[in-house]
């Protein structure tokens, strides 16, 4: 919604389906249940 990167999709909203997976410092994590402050200063790859 803010950055317009629509390739990462909303699936379940609870981190169970993997549809919203991104790389956080090289590790796959779900973005739907990850608060913004948890990624401050880190690297996210979509």
ModelCIF file with pLDDT and N, C-alpha, C, O atoms, coordinates in Angstrom:
data_MODEL
#
_entry.id   MODEL 
#
_entity.id                         1 
_entity.type                       polymer 
_entity.pdbx_number_of_molecules   1 
#
_entity_poly.entity_id                      1 
_entity_poly.type                           'polypeptide(L)' 
_entity_poly.nstd_linkage                   no 
_entity_poly.nstd_monomer                   no 
_entity_poly.pdbx_seq_one_letter_code       
;(UNK)(UNK)(UNK)(UNK)(UNK)(UNK)(UNK)(UNK)(UNK)(UNK)(UNK)(UNK)(UNK)(UNK)(UNK)(UNK)
(UNK)(UNK)(UNK)(UNK)(UNK)(UNK)(UNK)(UNK)(UNK)(UNK)(UNK)(UNK)(UNK)(UNK)(UNK)(UNK)
(UNK)(UNK)(UNK)(UNK)(UNK)(UNK)(UNK)(UNK)(UNK)(UNK)(UNK)(UNK)(UNK)(UNK)
;
_entity_poly.pdbx_seq_one_letter_code_can   XXXXXXXXXXXXXXXXXXXXXXXXXXXXXXXXXXXXXXXXXXXXXX 
_entity_poly.pdbx_strand_id                 A 
#
loop_
_entity_poly_seq.entity_id 
_entity_poly_seq.num 
_entity_poly_seq.mon_id 
_entity_poly_seq.hetero 
1 1  UNK n 
1 2  UNK n 
1 3  UNK n 
1 4  UNK n 
1 5  UNK n 
1 6  UNK n 
1 7  UNK n 
1 8  UNK n 
1 9  UNK n 
1 10 UNK n 
1 11 UNK n 
1 12 UNK n 
1 13 UNK n 
1 14 UNK n 
1 15 UNK n 
1 16 UNK n 
1 17 UNK n 
1 18 UNK n 
1 19 UNK n 
1 20 UNK n 
1 21 UNK n 
1 22 UNK n 
1 23 UNK n 
1 24 UNK n 
1 25 UNK n 
1 26 UNK n 
1 27 UNK n 
1 28 UNK n 
1 29 UNK n 
1 30 UNK n 
1 31 UNK n 
1 32 UNK n 
1 33 UNK n 
1 34 UNK n 
1 35 UNK n 
1 36 UNK n 
1 37 UNK n 
1 38 UNK n 
1 39 UNK n 
1 40 UNK n 
1 41 UNK n 
1 42 UNK n 
1 43 UNK n 
1 44 UNK n 
1 45 UNK n 
1 46 UNK n 
#
_struct_asym.id          A 
_struct_asym.entity_id   1 
#
loop_
_ma_qa_metric.id 
_ma_qa_metric.mode 
_ma_qa_metric.name 
_ma_qa_metric.software_group_id 
_ma_qa_metric.type 
1 global pLDDT . pLDDT 
2 local  pLDDT . pLDDT 
#
_ma_qa_metric_global.metric_id      1 
_ma_qa_metric_global.metric_value   96.48 
_ma_qa_metric_global.model_id       1 
_ma_qa_metric_global.ordinal_id     1 
#
loop_
_ma_qa_metric_local.label_asym_id 
_ma_qa_metric_local.label_comp_id 
_ma_qa_metric_local.label_seq_id 
_ma_qa_metric_local.metric_id 
_ma_qa_metric_local.metric_value 
_ma_qa_metric_local.model_id 
_ma_qa_metric_local.ordinal_id 
A UNK 1  2 97.00 1 1  
A UNK 2  2 96.00 1 2  
A UNK 3  2 97.00 1 3  
A UNK 4  2 97.00 1 4  
A UNK 5  2 97.00 1 5  
A UNK 6  2 95.00 1 6  
A UNK 7  2 95.00 1 7  
A UNK 8  2 96.00 1 8  
A UNK 9  2 96.00 1 9  
A UNK 10 2 96.00 1 10 
A UNK 11 2 93.00 1 11 
A UNK 12 2 93.00 1 12 
A UNK 13 2 93.00 1 13 
A UNK 14 2 94.00 1 14 
A UNK 15 2 93.00 1 15 
A UNK 16 2 93.00 1 16 
A UNK 17 2 95.00 1 17 
A UNK 18 2 95.00 1 18 
A UNK 19 2 96.00 1 19 
A UNK 20 2 97.00 1 20 
A UNK 21 2 97.00 1 21 
A UNK 22 2 98.00 1 22 
A UNK 23 2 98.00 1 23 
A UNK 24 2 98.00 1 24 
A UNK 25 2 98.00 1 25 
A UNK 26 2 97.00 1 26 
A UNK 27 2 97.00 1 27 
A UNK 28 2 97.00 1 28 
A UNK 29 2 98.00 1 29 
A UNK 30 2 98.00 1 30 
A UNK 31 2 98.00 1 31 
A UNK 32 2 97.00 1 32 
A UNK 33 2 97.00 1 33 
A UNK 34 2 98.00 1 34 
A UNK 35 2 98.00 1 35 
A UNK 36 2 97.00 1 36 
A UNK 37 2 96.00 1 37 
A UNK 38 2 97.00 1 38 
A UNK 39 2 97.00 1 39 
A UNK 40 2 97.00 1 40 
A UNK 41 2 96.00 1 41 
A UNK 42 2 98.00 1 42 
A UNK 43 2 98.00 1 43 
A UNK 44 2 98.00 1 44 
A UNK 45 2 98.00 1 45 
A UNK 46 2 98.00 1 46 
#
loop_
_atom_site.group_PDB 
_atom_site.id 
_atom_site.type_symbol 
_atom_site.label_atom_id 
_atom_site.label_alt_id 
_atom_site.label_comp_id 
_atom_site.label_asym_id 
_atom_site.label_entity_id 
_atom_site.label_seq_id 
_atom_site.pdbx_PDB_ins_code 
_atom_site.Cartn_x 
_atom_site.Cartn_y 
_atom_site.Cartn_z 
_atom_site.occupancy 
_atom_site.B_iso_or_equiv 
_atom_site.pdbx_formal_charge 
_atom_site.auth_seq_id 
_atom_site.auth_comp_id 
_atom_site.auth_asym_id 
_atom_site.auth_atom_id 
_atom_site.pdbx_PDB_model_num 
ATOM 1   N N  . UNK A 1 1  ? 0.801  -1.226  0.000  1.00 97.00 ? 1  UNK A N  1 
ATOM 2   C CA . UNK A 1 1  ? 0.000  0.000   0.000  1.00 97.00 ? 1  UNK A CA 1 
ATOM 3   C C  . UNK A 1 1  ? 0.831  1.272   0.000  1.00 97.00 ? 1  UNK A C  1 
ATOM 4   O O  . UNK A 1 1  ? 0.433  2.269   -0.602 1.00 97.00 ? 1  UNK A O  1 
ATOM 5   N N  . UNK A 1 2  ? 1.981  1.252   0.667  1.00 96.00 ? 2  UNK A N  1 
ATOM 6   C CA . UNK A 1 2  ? 2.810  2.452   0.748  1.00 96.00 ? 2  UNK A CA 1 
ATOM 7   C C  . UNK A 1 2  ? 3.817  2.513   -0.388 1.00 96.00 ? 2  UNK A C  1 
ATOM 8   O O  . UNK A 1 2  ? 4.011  3.565   -0.997 1.00 96.00 ? 2  UNK A O  1 
ATOM 9   N N  . UNK A 1 3  ? 4.462  1.376   -0.675 1.00 97.00 ? 3  UNK A N  1 
ATOM 10  C CA . UNK A 1 3  ? 5.539  1.366   -1.664 1.00 97.00 ? 3  UNK A CA 1 
ATOM 11  C C  . UNK A 1 3  ? 5.112  0.858   -3.038 1.00 97.00 ? 3  UNK A C  1 
ATOM 12  O O  . UNK A 1 3  ? 5.887  0.948   -3.990 1.00 97.00 ? 3  UNK A O  1 
ATOM 13  N N  . UNK A 1 4  ? 3.912  0.335   -3.158 1.00 97.00 ? 4  UNK A N  1 
ATOM 14  C CA . UNK A 1 4  ? 3.413  -0.128  -4.449 1.00 97.00 ? 4  UNK A CA 1 
ATOM 15  C C  . UNK A 1 4  ? 4.063  -1.395  -4.958 1.00 97.00 ? 4  UNK A C  1 
ATOM 16  O O  . UNK A 1 4  ? 4.035  -1.658  -6.160 1.00 97.00 ? 4  UNK A O  1 
ATOM 17  N N  . UNK A 1 5  ? 4.652  -2.191  -4.072 1.00 97.00 ? 5  UNK A N  1 
ATOM 18  C CA . UNK A 1 5  ? 5.278  -3.457  -4.461 1.00 97.00 ? 5  UNK A CA 1 
ATOM 19  C C  . UNK A 1 5  ? 4.232  -4.562  -4.336 1.00 97.00 ? 5  UNK A C  1 
ATOM 20  O O  . UNK A 1 5  ? 4.148  -5.246  -3.316 1.00 97.00 ? 5  UNK A O  1 
ATOM 21  N N  . UNK A 1 6  ? 3.451  -4.721  -5.377 1.00 95.00 ? 6  UNK A N  1 
ATOM 22  C CA . UNK A 1 6  ? 2.289  -5.610  -5.336 1.00 95.00 ? 6  UNK A CA 1 
ATOM 23  C C  . UNK A 1 6  ? 2.616  -7.069  -5.607 1.00 95.00 ? 6  UNK A C  1 
ATOM 24  O O  . UNK A 1 6  ? 1.719  -7.910  -5.563 1.00 95.00 ? 6  UNK A O  1 
ATOM 25  N N  . UNK A 1 7  ? 3.877  -7.395  -5.886 1.00 95.00 ? 7  UNK A N  1 
ATOM 26  C CA . UNK A 1 7  ? 4.235  -8.795  -6.141 1.00 95.00 ? 7  UNK A CA 1 
ATOM 27  C C  . UNK A 1 7  ? 4.109  -9.671  -4.915 1.00 95.00 ? 7  UNK A C  1 
ATOM 28  O O  . UNK A 1 7  ? 3.833  -10.865 -5.030 1.00 95.00 ? 7  UNK A O  1 
ATOM 29  N N  . UNK A 1 8  ? 4.310  -9.090  -3.736 1.00 96.00 ? 8  UNK A N  1 
ATOM 30  C CA . UNK A 1 8  ? 4.123  -9.829  -2.488 1.00 96.00 ? 8  UNK A CA 1 
ATOM 31  C C  . UNK A 1 8  ? 2.641  -9.796  -2.179 1.00 96.00 ? 8  UNK A C  1 
ATOM 32  O O  . UNK A 1 8  ? 2.056  -8.723  -2.039 1.00 96.00 ? 8  UNK A O  1 
ATOM 33  N N  . UNK A 1 9  ? 2.037  -10.954 -2.074 1.00 96.00 ? 9  UNK A N  1 
ATOM 34  C CA . UNK A 1 9  ? 0.576  -11.048 -1.997 1.00 96.00 ? 9  UNK A CA 1 
ATOM 35  C C  . UNK A 1 9  ? 0.071  -11.314 -0.587 1.00 96.00 ? 9  UNK A C  1 
ATOM 36  O O  . UNK A 1 9  ? 0.793  -11.841 0.259  1.00 96.00 ? 9  UNK A O  1 
ATOM 37  N N  . UNK A 1 10 ? -1.180 -10.940 -0.351 1.00 96.00 ? 10 UNK A N  1 
ATOM 38  C CA . UNK A 1 10 ? -1.873 -11.259 0.896  1.00 96.00 ? 10 UNK A CA 1 
ATOM 39  C C  . UNK A 1 10 ? -2.570 -12.591 0.711  1.00 96.00 ? 10 UNK A C  1 
ATOM 40  O O  . UNK A 1 10 ? -3.309 -12.785 -0.254 1.00 96.00 ? 10 UNK A O  1 
ATOM 41  N N  . UNK A 1 11 ? -2.334 -13.509 1.635  1.00 93.00 ? 11 UNK A N  1 
ATOM 42  C CA . UNK A 1 11 ? -2.998 -14.814 1.581  1.00 93.00 ? 11 UNK A CA 1 
ATOM 43  C C  . UNK A 1 11 ? -3.893 -15.009 2.786  1.00 93.00 ? 11 UNK A C  1 
ATOM 44  O O  . UNK A 1 11 ? -5.088 -14.715 2.735  1.00 93.00 ? 11 UNK A O  1 
ATOM 45  N N  . UNK A 1 12 ? -3.322 -15.502 3.864  1.00 93.00 ? 12 UNK A N  1 
ATOM 46  C CA . UNK A 1 12 ? -4.111 -15.843 5.047  1.00 93.00 ? 12 UNK A CA 1 
ATOM 47  C C  . UNK A 1 12 ? -4.138 -14.741 6.104  1.00 93.00 ? 12 UNK A C  1 
ATOM 48  O O  . UNK A 1 12 ? -5.092 -14.657 6.877  1.00 93.00 ? 12 UNK A O  1 
ATOM 49  N N  . UNK A 1 13 ? -3.115 -13.904 6.149  1.00 93.00 ? 13 UNK A N  1 
ATOM 50  C CA . UNK A 1 13 ? -3.045 -12.853 7.151  1.00 93.00 ? 13 UNK A CA 1 
ATOM 51  C C  . UNK A 1 13 ? -2.514 -13.310 8.500  1.00 93.00 ? 13 UNK A C  1 
ATOM 52  O O  . UNK A 1 13 ? -2.423 -12.518 9.438  1.00 93.00 ? 13 UNK A O  1 
ATOM 53  N N  . UNK A 1 14 ? -2.165 -14.586 8.598  1.00 94.00 ? 14 UNK A N  1 
ATOM 54  C CA . UNK A 1 14 ? -1.677 -15.105 9.880  1.00 94.00 ? 14 UNK A CA 1 
ATOM 55  C C  . UNK A 1 14 ? -0.313 -15.789 9.767  1.00 94.00 ? 14 UNK A C  1 
ATOM 56  O O  . UNK A 1 14 ? 0.136  -16.434 10.714 1.00 94.00 ? 14 UNK A O  1 
ATOM 57  N N  . UNK A 1 15 ? 0.340  -15.652 8.624  1.00 93.00 ? 15 UNK A N  1 
ATOM 58  C CA . UNK A 1 15 ? 1.669  -16.229 8.449  1.00 93.00 ? 15 UNK A CA 1 
ATOM 59  C C  . UNK A 1 15 ? 1.693  -17.727 8.216  1.00 93.00 ? 15 UNK A C  1 
ATOM 60  O O  . UNK A 1 15 ? 2.729  -18.366 8.398  1.00 93.00 ? 15 UNK A O  1 
ATOM 61  N N  . UNK A 1 16 ? 0.567  -18.295 7.817  1.00 93.00 ? 16 UNK A N  1 
ATOM 62  C CA . UNK A 1 16 ? 0.491  -19.750 7.665  1.00 93.00 ? 16 UNK A CA 1 
ATOM 63  C C  . UNK A 1 16 ? 0.616  -20.257 6.229  1.00 93.00 ? 16 UNK A C  1 
ATOM 64  O O  . UNK A 1 16 ? 0.919  -21.432 6.024  1.00 93.00 ? 16 UNK A O  1 
ATOM 65  N N  . UNK A 1 17 ? 0.389  -19.393 5.221  1.00 95.00 ? 17 UNK A N  1 
ATOM 66  C CA . UNK A 1 17 ? 0.325  -19.904 3.847  1.00 95.00 ? 17 UNK A CA 1 
ATOM 67  C C  . UNK A 1 17 ? 1.576  -19.629 3.019  1.00 95.00 ? 17 UNK A C  1 
ATOM 68  O O  . UNK A 1 17 ? 1.803  -20.303 2.014  1.00 95.00 ? 17 UNK A O  1 
ATOM 69  N N  . UNK A 1 18 ? 2.391  -18.655 3.418  1.00 95.00 ? 18 UNK A N  1 
ATOM 70  C CA . UNK A 1 18 ? 3.627  -18.364 2.689  1.00 95.00 ? 18 UNK A CA 1 
ATOM 71  C C  . UNK A 1 18 ? 3.470  -17.483 1.469  1.00 95.00 ? 18 UNK A C  1 
ATOM 72  O O  . UNK A 1 18 ? 4.460  -17.179 0.803  1.00 95.00 ? 18 UNK A O  1 
ATOM 73  N N  . UNK A 1 19 ? 2.262  -17.067 1.158  1.00 96.00 ? 19 UNK A N  1 
ATOM 74  C CA . UNK A 1 19 ? 2.033  -16.242 -0.021 1.00 96.00 ? 19 UNK A CA 1 
ATOM 75  C C  . UNK A 1 19 ? 2.778  -14.913 0.062  1.00 96.00 ? 19 UNK A C  1 
ATOM 76  O O  . UNK A 1 19 ? 3.198  -14.370 -0.960 1.00 96.00 ? 19 UNK A O  1 
ATOM 77  N N  . UNK A 1 20 ? 2.942  -14.392 1.273  1.00 97.00 ? 20 UNK A N  1 
ATOM 78  C CA . UNK A 1 20 ? 3.562  -13.076 1.467  1.00 97.00 ? 20 UNK A CA 1 
ATOM 79  C C  . UNK A 1 20 ? 5.047  -13.171 1.815  1.00 97.00 ? 20 UNK A C  1 
ATOM 80  O O  . UNK A 1 20 ? 5.609  -12.224 2.365  1.00 97.00 ? 20 UNK A O  1 
ATOM 81  N N  . UNK A 1 21 ? 5.679  -14.280 1.507  1.00 97.00 ? 21 UNK A N  1 
ATOM 82  C CA . UNK A 1 21 ? 7.074  -14.494 1.886  1.00 97.00 ? 21 UNK A CA 1 
ATOM 83  C C  . UNK A 1 21 ? 8.001  -13.462 1.244  1.00 97.00 ? 21 UNK A C  1 
ATOM 84  O O  . UNK A 1 21 ? 7.898  -13.162 0.055  1.00 97.00 ? 21 UNK A O  1 
ATOM 85  N N  . UNK A 1 22 ? 8.908  -12.929 2.064  1.00 98.00 ? 22 UNK A N  1 
ATOM 86  C CA . UNK A 1 22 ? 9.986  -12.045 1.623  1.00 98.00 ? 22 UNK A CA 1 
ATOM 87  C C  . UNK A 1 22 ? 11.263 -12.536 2.288  1.00 98.00 ? 22 UNK A C  1 
ATOM 88  O O  . UNK A 1 22 ? 11.224 -13.361 3.201  1.00 98.00 ? 22 UNK A O  1 
ATOM 89  N N  . UNK A 1 23 ? 12.388 -12.024 1.825  1.00 98.00 ? 23 UNK A N  1 
ATOM 90  C CA . UNK A 1 23 ? 13.658 -12.340 2.476  1.00 98.00 ? 23 UNK A CA 1 
ATOM 91  C C  . UNK A 1 23 ? 13.994 -11.218 3.449  1.00 98.00 ? 23 UNK A C  1 
ATOM 92  O O  . UNK A 1 23 ? 14.015 -10.046 3.072  1.00 98.00 ? 23 UNK A O  1 
ATOM 93  N N  . UNK A 1 24 ? 14.253 -11.574 4.682  1.00 98.00 ? 24 UNK A N  1 
ATOM 94  C CA . UNK A 1 24 ? 14.674 -10.620 5.703  1.00 98.00 ? 24 UNK A CA 1 
ATOM 95  C C  . UNK A 1 24 ? 16.092 -10.999 6.089  1.00 98.00 ? 24 UNK A C  1 
ATOM 96  O O  . UNK A 1 24 ? 16.325 -12.026 6.727  1.00 98.00 ? 24 UNK A O  1 
ATOM 97  N N  . UNK A 1 25 ? 17.035 -10.158 5.695  1.00 98.00 ? 25 UNK A N  1 
ATOM 98  C CA . UNK A 1 25 ? 18.453 -10.476 5.897  1.00 98.00 ? 25 UNK A CA 1 
ATOM 99  C C  . UNK A 1 25 ? 18.767 -11.886 5.383  1.00 98.00 ? 25 UNK A C  1 
ATOM 100 O O  . UNK A 1 25 ? 19.524 -12.633 6.002  1.00 98.00 ? 25 UNK A O  1 
ATOM 101 N N  . UNK A 1 26 ? 18.166 -12.234 4.231  1.00 97.00 ? 26 UNK A N  1 
ATOM 102 C CA . UNK A 1 26 ? 18.438 -13.498 3.567  1.00 97.00 ? 26 UNK A CA 1 
ATOM 103 C C  . UNK A 1 26 ? 17.590 -14.677 4.009  1.00 97.00 ? 26 UNK A C  1 
ATOM 104 O O  . UNK A 1 26 ? 17.677 -15.749 3.411  1.00 97.00 ? 26 UNK A O  1 
ATOM 105 N N  . UNK A 1 27 ? 16.775 -14.509 5.036  1.00 97.00 ? 27 UNK A N  1 
ATOM 106 C CA . UNK A 1 27 ? 15.923 -15.595 5.536  1.00 97.00 ? 27 UNK A CA 1 
ATOM 107 C C  . UNK A 1 27 ? 14.479 -15.382 5.090  1.00 97.00 ? 27 UNK A C  1 
ATOM 108 O O  . UNK A 1 27 ? 13.984 -14.256 5.140  1.00 97.00 ? 27 UNK A O  1 
ATOM 109 N N  . UNK A 1 28 ? 13.790 -16.443 4.653  1.00 97.00 ? 28 UNK A N  1 
ATOM 110 C CA . UNK A 1 28 ? 12.392 -16.273 4.265  1.00 97.00 ? 28 UNK A CA 1 
ATOM 111 C C  . UNK A 1 28 ? 11.501 -16.076 5.500  1.00 97.00 ? 28 UNK A C  1 
ATOM 112 O O  . UNK A 1 28 ? 11.556 -16.853 6.453  1.00 97.00 ? 28 UNK A O  1 
ATOM 113 N N  . UNK A 1 29 ? 10.686 -15.024 5.459  1.00 98.00 ? 29 UNK A N  1 
ATOM 114 C CA . UNK A 1 29 ? 9.750  -14.732 6.541  1.00 98.00 ? 29 UNK A CA 1 
ATOM 115 C C  . UNK A 1 29 ? 8.434  -14.272 5.927  1.00 98.00 ? 29 UNK A C  1 
ATOM 116 O O  . UNK A 1 29 ? 8.400  -13.786 4.796  1.00 98.00 ? 29 UNK A O  1 
ATOM 117 N N  . UNK A 1 30 ? 7.360  -14.430 6.678  1.00 98.00 ? 30 UNK A N  1 
ATOM 118 C CA . UNK A 1 30 ? 6.067  -13.945 6.213  1.00 98.00 ? 30 UNK A CA 1 
ATOM 119 C C  . UNK A 1 30 ? 5.925  -12.473 6.570  1.00 98.00 ? 30 UNK A C  1 
ATOM 120 O O  . UNK A 1 30 ? 6.241  -12.066 7.689  1.00 98.00 ? 30 UNK A O  1 
ATOM 121 N N  . UNK A 1 31 ? 5.455  -11.682 5.627  1.00 98.00 ? 31 UNK A N  1 
ATOM 122 C CA . UNK A 1 31 ? 5.337  -10.239 5.806  1.00 98.00 ? 31 UNK A CA 1 
ATOM 123 C C  . UNK A 1 31 ? 3.993  -9.811  6.370  1.00 98.00 ? 31 UNK A C  1 
ATOM 124 O O  . UNK A 1 31 ? 3.860  -8.682  6.842  1.00 98.00 ? 31 UNK A O  1 
ATOM 125 N N  . UNK A 1 32 ? 2.993  -10.685 6.334  1.00 97.00 ? 32 UNK A N  1 
ATOM 126 C CA . UNK A 1 32 ? 1.655  -10.286 6.781  1.00 97.00 ? 32 UNK A CA 1 
ATOM 127 C C  . UNK A 1 32 ? 1.568  -10.140 8.289  1.00 97.00 ? 32 UNK A C  1 
ATOM 128 O O  . UNK A 1 32 ? 0.746  -9.372  8.790  1.00 97.00 ? 32 UNK A O  1 
ATOM 129 N N  . UNK A 1 33 ? 2.402  -10.864 9.015  1.00 97.00 ? 33 UNK A N  1 
ATOM 130 C CA . UNK A 1 33 ? 2.334  -10.832 10.475 1.00 97.00 ? 33 UNK A CA 1 
ATOM 131 C C  . UNK A 1 33 ? 3.616  -10.278 11.100 1.00 97.00 ? 33 UNK A C  1 
ATOM 132 O O  . UNK A 1 33 ? 3.872  -10.476 12.288 1.00 97.00 ? 33 UNK A O  1 
ATOM 133 N N  . UNK A 1 34 ? 4.410  -9.591  10.298 1.00 98.00 ? 34 UNK A N  1 
ATOM 134 C CA . UNK A 1 34 ? 5.674  -9.028  10.760 1.00 98.00 ? 34 UNK A CA 1 
ATOM 135 C C  . UNK A 1 34 ? 5.530  -7.511  10.882 1.00 98.00 ? 34 UNK A C  1 
ATOM 136 O O  . UNK A 1 34 ? 5.344  -6.827  9.875  1.00 98.00 ? 34 UNK A O  1 
ATOM 137 N N  . UNK A 1 35 ? 5.614  -6.975  12.106 1.00 98.00 ? 35 UNK A N  1 
ATOM 138 C CA . UNK A 1 35 ? 5.459  -5.526  12.256 1.00 98.00 ? 35 UNK A CA 1 
ATOM 139 C C  . UNK A 1 35 ? 6.655  -4.769  11.686 1.00 98.00 ? 35 UNK A C  1 
ATOM 140 O O  . UNK A 1 35 ? 7.787  -5.252  11.693 1.00 98.00 ? 35 UNK A O  1 
ATOM 141 N N  . UNK A 1 36 ? 6.370  -3.588  11.201 1.00 97.00 ? 36 UNK A N  1 
ATOM 142 C CA . UNK A 1 36 ? 7.394  -2.768  10.569 1.00 97.00 ? 36 UNK A CA 1 
ATOM 143 C C  . UNK A 1 36 ? 8.590  -2.533  11.486 1.00 97.00 ? 36 UNK A C  1 
ATOM 144 O O  . UNK A 1 36 ? 9.731  -2.553  11.026 1.00 97.00 ? 36 UNK A O  1 
ATOM 145 N N  . UNK A 1 37 ? 8.348  -2.311  12.768 1.00 96.00 ? 37 UNK A N  1 
ATOM 146 C CA . UNK A 1 37 ? 9.474  -2.034  13.660 1.00 96.00 ? 37 UNK A CA 1 
ATOM 147 C C  . UNK A 1 37 ? 10.417 -3.226  13.816 1.00 96.00 ? 37 UNK A C  1 
ATOM 148 O O  . UNK A 1 37 ? 11.558 -3.048  14.241 1.00 96.00 ? 37 UNK A O  1 
ATOM 149 N N  . UNK A 1 38 ? 9.967  -4.429  13.483 1.00 97.00 ? 38 UNK A N  1 
ATOM 150 C CA . UNK A 1 38 ? 10.831 -5.615  13.558 1.00 97.00 ? 38 UNK A CA 1 
ATOM 151 C C  . UNK A 1 38 ? 11.834 -5.674  12.408 1.00 97.00 ? 38 UNK A C  1 
ATOM 152 O O  . UNK A 1 38 ? 12.784 -6.455  12.459 1.00 97.00 ? 38 UNK A O  1 
ATOM 153 N N  . UNK A 1 39 ? 11.634 -4.858  11.371 1.00 97.00 ? 39 UNK A N  1 
ATOM 154 C CA . UNK A 1 39 ? 12.540 -4.881  10.225 1.00 97.00 ? 39 UNK A CA 1 
ATOM 155 C C  . UNK A 1 39 ? 13.372 -3.608  10.124 1.00 97.00 ? 39 UNK A C  1 
ATOM 156 O O  . UNK A 1 39 ? 14.123 -3.429  9.165  1.00 97.00 ? 39 UNK A O  1 
ATOM 157 N N  . UNK A 1 40 ? 13.240 -2.728  11.107 1.00 97.00 ? 40 UNK A N  1 
ATOM 158 C CA . UNK A 1 40 ? 14.001 -1.471  11.101 1.00 97.00 ? 40 UNK A CA 1 
ATOM 159 C C  . UNK A 1 40 ? 15.493 -1.771  11.006 1.00 97.00 ? 40 UNK A C  1 
ATOM 160 O O  . UNK A 1 40 ? 16.029 -2.575  11.769 1.00 97.00 ? 40 UNK A O  1 
ATOM 161 N N  . UNK A 1 41 ? 16.156 -1.108  10.053 1.00 96.00 ? 41 UNK A N  1 
ATOM 162 C CA . UNK A 1 41 ? 17.595 -1.273  9.883  1.00 96.00 ? 41 UNK A CA 1 
ATOM 163 C C  . UNK A 1 41 ? 18.012 -2.573  9.227  1.00 96.00 ? 41 UNK A C  1 
ATOM 164 O O  . UNK A 1 41 ? 19.206 -2.856  9.132  1.00 96.00 ? 41 UNK A O  1 
ATOM 165 N N  . UNK A 1 42 ? 17.062 -3.366  8.775  1.00 98.00 ? 42 UNK A N  1 
ATOM 166 C CA . UNK A 1 42 ? 17.373 -4.656  8.148  1.00 98.00 ? 42 UNK A CA 1 
ATOM 167 C C  . UNK A 1 42 ? 17.138 -4.591  6.640  1.00 98.00 ? 42 UNK A C  1 
ATOM 168 O O  . UNK A 1 42 ? 16.643 -3.594  6.114  1.00 98.00 ? 42 UNK A O  1 
ATOM 169 N N  . UNK A 1 43 ? 17.501 -5.667  5.965  1.00 98.00 ? 43 UNK A N  1 
ATOM 170 C CA . UNK A 1 43 ? 17.347 -5.758  4.519  1.00 98.00 ? 43 UNK A CA 1 
ATOM 171 C C  . UNK A 1 43 ? 16.178 -6.667  4.169  1.00 98.00 ? 43 UNK A C  1 
ATOM 172 O O  . UNK A 1 43 ? 16.106 -7.807  4.627  1.00 98.00 ? 43 UNK A O  1 
ATOM 173 N N  . UNK A 1 44 ? 15.256 -6.146  3.345  1.00 98.00 ? 44 UNK A N  1 
ATOM 174 C CA . UNK A 1 44 ? 14.106 -6.899  2.868  1.00 98.00 ? 44 UNK A CA 1 
ATOM 175 C C  . UNK A 1 44 ? 14.219 -7.017  1.351  1.00 98.00 ? 44 UNK A C  1 
ATOM 176 O O  . UNK A 1 44 ? 14.435 -6.026  0.653  1.00 98.00 ? 44 UNK A O  1 
ATOM 177 N N  . UNK A 1 45 ? 14.069 -8.237  0.856  1.00 98.00 ? 45 UNK A N  1 
ATOM 178 C CA . UNK A 1 45 ? 14.030 -8.468  -0.592 1.00 98.00 ? 45 UNK A CA 1 
ATOM 179 C C  . UNK A 1 45 ? 12.672 -9.077  -0.925 1.00 98.00 ? 45 UNK A C  1 
ATOM 180 O O  . UNK A 1 45 ? 12.268 -10.087 -0.349 1.00 98.00 ? 45 UNK A O  1 
ATOM 181 N N  . UNK A 1 46 ? 11.980 -8.442  -1.863 1.00 98.00 ? 46 UNK A N  1 
ATOM 182 C CA . UNK A 1 46 ? 10.694 -8.956  -2.345 1.00 98.00 ? 46 UNK A CA 1 
ATOM 183 C C  . UNK A 1 46 ? 10.918 -9.631  -3.694 1.00 98.00 ? 46 UNK A C  1 
ATOM 184 O O  . UNK A 1 46 ? 9.972  -10.140 -4.295 1.00 98.00 ? 46 UNK A O  1 
#
